[in-house]
Amino acid sequence: MSKQSITYQILLLALLGVVAALVANPAYAQESVAAFDDGSCKTLFSSNQDFQSVLNSAHLKARRVLDIDNPFLSAQMKAVDRRFWYQP
């Protein structure tokens, strides 16, 4: 497995962890929303070279997005604001 693949998997797990924490802890969610709204969250990710390298190598803008309903998602996960999902 390449270093880039491992980095991608770690970043993906970290992002999923953040989403889970947002769902589970309303106080943390409020702080995270504030960081998102004031731009500090975007600055953090855009300044991280590993994160940017993984996103660039994934060629996300060239991919097709398929929205598929997942009946196994909890109501809490479905309620996460779509602005928190990465949109290339």
Protein backbone atom coordinates (compact mmCIF):
# COMPACT_ATOMS: atom_id res chain seq x y z
CA MET A 1 0.00 0.00 0.00
CA SER A 2 1.42 3.39 -0.96
CA LYS A 3 2.10 6.21 1.48
CA GLN A 4 -0.46 8.33 -0.34
CA SER A 5 -3.10 5.61 -0.02
CA ILE A 6 -2.44 5.30 3.69
CA THR A 7 -2.60 9.09 4.09
CA TYR A 8 -5.92 9.15 2.24
CA GLN A 9 -7.36 6.44 4.48
CA ILE A 10 -6.19 8.23 7.62
CA LEU A 11 -7.69 11.53 6.46
CA LEU A 12 -10.96 9.83 5.55
CA LEU A 13 -11.17 8.17 8.97
CA ALA A 14 -10.37 11.49 10.64
CA LEU A 15 -13.15 13.24 8.73
CA LEU A 16 -15.60 10.47 9.58
CA GLY A 17 -14.57 10.81 13.22
CA VAL A 18 -15.28 14.54 13.10
CA VAL A 19 -18.74 13.92 11.64
CA ALA A 20 -19.47 11.32 14.33
CA ALA A 21 -18.32 13.73 17.03
CA LEU A 22 -20.54 16.46 15.61
CA VAL A 23 -23.53 14.16 15.76
CA ALA A 24 -22.78 12.87 19.26
CA ASN A 25 -21.83 16.11 21.03
CA PRO A 26 -23.96 19.24 20.51
CA ALA A 27 -21.44 21.53 22.28
CA TYR A 28 -18.63 20.30 20.03
CA ALA A 29 -20.96 20.72 17.07
CA GLN A 30 -21.56 24.39 17.93
CA GLU A 31 -17.81 25.06 18.15
CA SER A 32 -17.23 23.22 14.87
CA VAL A 33 -19.98 25.15 13.11
CA ALA A 34 -18.39 28.39 14.31
CA ALA A 35 -14.99 27.24 12.96
CA PHE A 36 -16.62 26.32 9.68
CA ASP A 37 -18.52 29.61 9.43
CA ASP A 38 -15.52 31.82 10.24
CA GLY A 39 -13.35 29.99 7.68
CA SER A 40 -10.79 28.59 10.12
CA CYS A 41 -11.76 24.98 9.31
CA LYS A 42 -11.29 25.57 5.58
CA THR A 43 -7.97 27.30 6.26
CA LEU A 44 -6.79 24.32 8.31
CA PHE A 45 -7.53 21.82 5.54
CA SER A 46 -6.34 24.03 2.68
CA SER A 47 -3.02 24.66 4.42
CA ASN A 48 -2.31 20.95 5.01
CA GLN A 49 -0.07 19.70 2.18
CA ASP A 50 -0.87 16.02 2.76
CA PHE A 51 -4.60 16.66 2.61
CA GLN A 52 -4.26 18.77 -0.55
CA SER A 53 -2.00 16.17 -2.17
CA VAL A 54 -4.54 13.43 -1.56
CA LEU A 55 -7.42 15.53 -2.87
CA ASN A 56 -5.47 16.52 -5.99
CA SER A 57 -4.39 12.96 -6.75
CA ALA A 58 -7.97 11.71 -6.36
CA HIS A 59 -9.12 13.89 -9.29
CA LEU A 60 -12.43 14.47 -7.54
CA LYS A 61 -13.59 17.17 -9.96
CA ALA A 62 -13.49 14.62 -12.77
CA ARG A 63 -15.56 12.05 -10.90
CA ARG A 64 -19.29 11.55 -11.12
CA VAL A 65 -21.24 11.77 -7.87
CA LEU A 66 -24.03 9.28 -7.33
CA ASP A 67 -26.47 10.14 -4.57
CA ILE A 68 -27.80 6.86 -3.26
CA ASP A 69 -30.24 6.64 -0.38
CA ASN A 70 -28.84 4.59 2.48
CA PRO A 71 -31.67 3.17 4.60
CA PHE A 72 -29.14 2.17 7.30
CA LEU A 73 -28.03 5.73 8.11
CA SER A 74 -29.35 7.01 11.39
CA ALA A 75 -31.60 10.05 11.47
CA GLN A 76 -28.75 11.94 13.16
CA MET A 77 -26.34 11.24 10.29
CA LYS A 78 -28.95 12.19 7.73
CA ALA A 79 -29.46 15.47 9.60
CA VAL A 80 -25.81 16.58 9.19
CA ASP A 81 -25.85 19.79 7.17
CA ARG A 82 -24.65 19.13 3.58
CA ARG A 83 -22.35 22.15 3.72
CA PHE A 84 -20.04 20.08 5.94
CA TRP A 85 -19.44 17.51 3.19
CA TYR A 86 -16.52 18.16 0.90
CA GLN A 87 -17.62 19.46 -2.49
CA PRO A 88 -14.82 19.64 -5.10
